[in-house]
């Protein structure tokens, strides 16, 4: 098994978190100062924390990944609650909320798949046999079976 560090660019979770942060950052330009310096600033801060943790996990061994991925999972759930709060107190529109929430759900699923791999659990939709078969054919896409969306 290859536990060598990978380029953060090759980790889809890092890309998704980066894209989510870009959306949150752009949203900050459209809301008033009070909201921007309150809830939105906290959301941005947590996004950056998650991004840093995901990059750290990408460069960690399988055993070292576990606590990082568990922490990412918790921070994603906090983000979901804060984004929902911004909708509830009418900082963002319902349509903007749906877009952000869908992206957070996708990020959460990717992290949970990576976490399950690190814990040695089989993904019920794919199974590890799927990855063993594809690994030799497409090693770049399925390196360490992270974030597989096949």
Protein backbone atom coordinates (compact mmCIF):
# COMPACT_ATOMS: atom_id res chain seq x y z
CA UNK A 1 0.00 0.00 0.00
CA UNK A 2 1.28 3.44 -0.90
CA UNK A 3 1.18 5.85 2.07
CA UNK A 4 3.61 8.33 0.56
CA UNK A 5 2.68 11.99 0.53
CA UNK A 6 0.66 13.21 -2.41
CA UNK A 7 0.34 16.60 -3.96
CA UNK A 8 -2.57 18.49 -2.42
CA UNK A 9 -3.59 19.29 -5.97
CA UNK A 10 -4.39 15.60 -6.55
CA UNK A 11 -6.84 15.40 -3.62
CA UNK A 12 -10.41 16.13 -4.79
CA UNK A 13 -11.53 17.03 -1.26
CA UNK A 14 -9.03 19.90 -1.19
CA UNK A 15 -10.43 21.20 -4.49
CA UNK A 16 -14.02 21.05 -3.24
CA UNK A 17 -13.17 22.86 -0.01
CA UNK A 18 -11.25 25.52 -1.95
CA UNK A 19 -14.21 26.06 -4.29
CA UNK A 20 -16.58 26.27 -1.34
CA UNK A 21 -14.36 28.87 0.33
CA UNK A 22 -14.27 30.94 -2.87
CA UNK A 23 -18.08 31.00 -2.89
CA UNK A 24 -18.26 32.00 0.77
CA UNK A 25 -15.64 34.71 0.22
CA UNK A 26 -17.55 36.15 -2.74
CA UNK A 27 -20.74 36.03 -0.70
CA UNK A 28 -19.02 38.14 1.97
CA UNK A 29 -18.67 40.96 -0.53
CA UNK A 30 -22.44 41.02 -1.00
CA UNK A 31 -23.58 41.18 2.62
CA UNK A 32 -23.52 44.05 5.09
CA UNK A 33 -20.55 44.73 7.36
CA UNK A 34 -22.20 43.46 10.56
CA UNK A 35 -23.00 40.09 9.02
CA UNK A 36 -19.68 39.91 7.19
CA UNK A 37 -17.74 40.43 10.44
CA UNK A 38 -19.96 38.03 12.37
CA UNK A 39 -21.27 34.74 11.10
CA UNK A 40 -19.67 34.98 7.66
CA UNK A 41 -16.22 35.59 9.14
CA UNK A 42 -16.63 32.50 11.33
CA UNK A 43 -17.72 30.45 8.30
CA UNK A 44 -14.65 31.62 6.36
CA UNK A 45 -12.38 30.80 9.28
CA UNK A 46 -13.77 27.26 9.63
CA UNK A 47 -13.44 26.74 5.84
CA UNK A 48 -9.77 27.64 6.05
CA UNK A 49 -9.33 25.31 9.04
CA UNK A 50 -10.90 22.46 7.07
CA UNK A 51 -8.71 23.23 4.06
CA UNK A 52 -5.56 23.13 6.22
CA UNK A 53 -6.65 19.86 7.85
CA UNK A 54 -7.40 18.25 4.47
CA UNK A 55 -3.98 19.21 3.13
CA UNK A 56 -2.36 17.89 6.30
CA UNK A 57 -4.30 14.63 5.92
CA UNK A 58 -3.13 14.31 2.32
CA UNK A 59 0.46 14.37 3.51
CA UNK A 60 -0.10 12.04 6.46
CA UNK A 61 0.14 8.30 6.82
CA UNK A 62 -3.04 6.27 7.00
CA UNK A 63 -2.92 6.12 10.80
CA UNK A 64 -2.24 9.85 11.10
CA UNK A 65 -5.19 10.64 8.82
CA UNK A 66 -7.84 9.30 11.21
CA UNK A 67 -7.89 12.11 13.81
CA UNK A 68 -7.58 14.73 11.07
CA UNK A 69 -10.50 13.34 9.07
CA UNK A 70 -12.61 13.02 12.20
CA UNK A 71 -11.93 16.66 13.03
CA UNK A 72 -12.80 17.65 9.47
CA UNK A 73 -16.11 15.79 9.84
CA UNK A 74 -16.95 17.76 12.99
CA UNK A 75 -16.00 21.10 11.43
CA UNK A 76 -18.12 20.34 8.35
CA UNK A 77 -21.12 19.76 10.61
CA UNK A 78 -20.45 23.07 12.36
CA UNK A 79 -20.31 24.73 8.94
CA UNK A 80 -23.64 23.19 7.99
CA UNK A 81 -25.22 24.63 11.13
CA UNK A 82 -23.73 28.09 10.57
CA UNK A 83 -24.83 28.17 6.93
CA UNK A 84 -28.33 27.14 7.99
CA UNK A 85 -28.26 29.90 10.61
CA UNK A 86 -27.34 32.50 7.99
CA UNK A 87 -30.41 31.45 6.04
CA UNK A 88 -32.64 31.44 9.12
CA UNK A 89 -31.64 34.98 10.10
CA UNK A 90 -31.97 36.06 6.47
CA UNK A 91 -28.34 36.91 5.78
CA UNK A 92 -28.50 34.73 2.67
CA UNK A 93 -31.37 33.74 0.43
CA UNK A 94 -32.96 30.31 0.31
CA UNK A 95 -31.48 29.68 -3.15
CA UNK A 96 -27.96 30.62 -2.01
CA UNK A 97 -28.42 28.38 1.03
CA UNK A 98 -29.39 25.41 -1.14
CA UNK A 99 -26.27 25.84 -3.29
CA UNK A 100 -23.96 26.09 -0.27
CA UNK A 101 -25.64 23.21 1.55
CA UNK A 102 -25.40 20.93 -1.52
CA UNK A 103 -21.67 21.64 -1.74
CA UNK A 104 -21.21 20.97 1.96
CA UNK A 105 -23.04 17.66 1.62
CA UNK A 106 -20.72 16.68 -1.23
CA UNK A 107 -17.65 17.68 0.82
CA UNK A 108 -19.00 15.71 3.78
CA UNK A 109 -19.52 12.59 1.67
CA UNK A 110 -16.02 12.81 0.23
CA UNK A 111 -14.52 13.19 3.70
CA UNK A 112 -16.58 10.32 5.08
CA UNK A 113 -15.47 8.05 2.22
CA UNK A 114 -11.85 8.92 2.93
CA UNK A 115 -12.42 8.41 6.67
CA UNK A 116 -14.03 5.00 6.08
CA UNK A 117 -11.07 4.00 3.94
CA UNK A 118 -8.63 5.10 6.65
CA UNK A 119 -10.60 3.09 9.24
CA UNK A 120 -10.61 0.05 6.96
CA UNK A 121 -14.36 0.08 6.40
CA UNK A 122 -15.75 -0.98 3.07
CA UNK A 123 -17.91 1.49 1.18
CA UNK A 124 -21.22 -0.36 0.74
CA UNK A 125 -21.84 1.26 -2.65
CA UNK A 126 -18.44 0.44 -4.10
CA UNK A 127 -16.67 -2.15 -2.04
CA UNK A 128 -12.91 -2.40 -1.92
CA UNK A 129 -12.96 -5.06 -4.62
CA UNK A 130 -13.98 -2.30 -7.03
CA UNK A 131 -10.83 -0.37 -6.16
CA UNK A 132 -8.48 -3.35 -6.30
CA UNK A 133 -9.68 -4.06 -9.82
CA UNK A 134 -9.32 -0.45 -10.99
CA UNK A 135 -6.14 0.45 -9.14
CA UNK A 136 -3.82 -1.14 -11.66
CA UNK A 137 -5.76 0.33 -14.57
CA UNK A 138 -6.09 3.86 -13.23
CA UNK A 139 -3.73 4.34 -10.30
CA UNK A 140 -3.84 8.14 -10.42
CA UNK A 141 -7.61 8.35 -10.05
CA UNK A 142 -7.79 5.72 -7.33
CA UNK A 143 -4.56 6.42 -5.45
CA UNK A 144 -5.15 5.22 -1.88
CA UNK A 145 -8.84 4.93 -2.84
CA UNK A 146 -9.42 8.52 -1.63
CA UNK A 147 -12.53 10.33 -2.66
CA UNK A 148 -13.49 7.87 -5.35
CA UNK A 149 -16.64 8.97 -7.11
CA UNK A 150 -16.87 6.07 -9.54
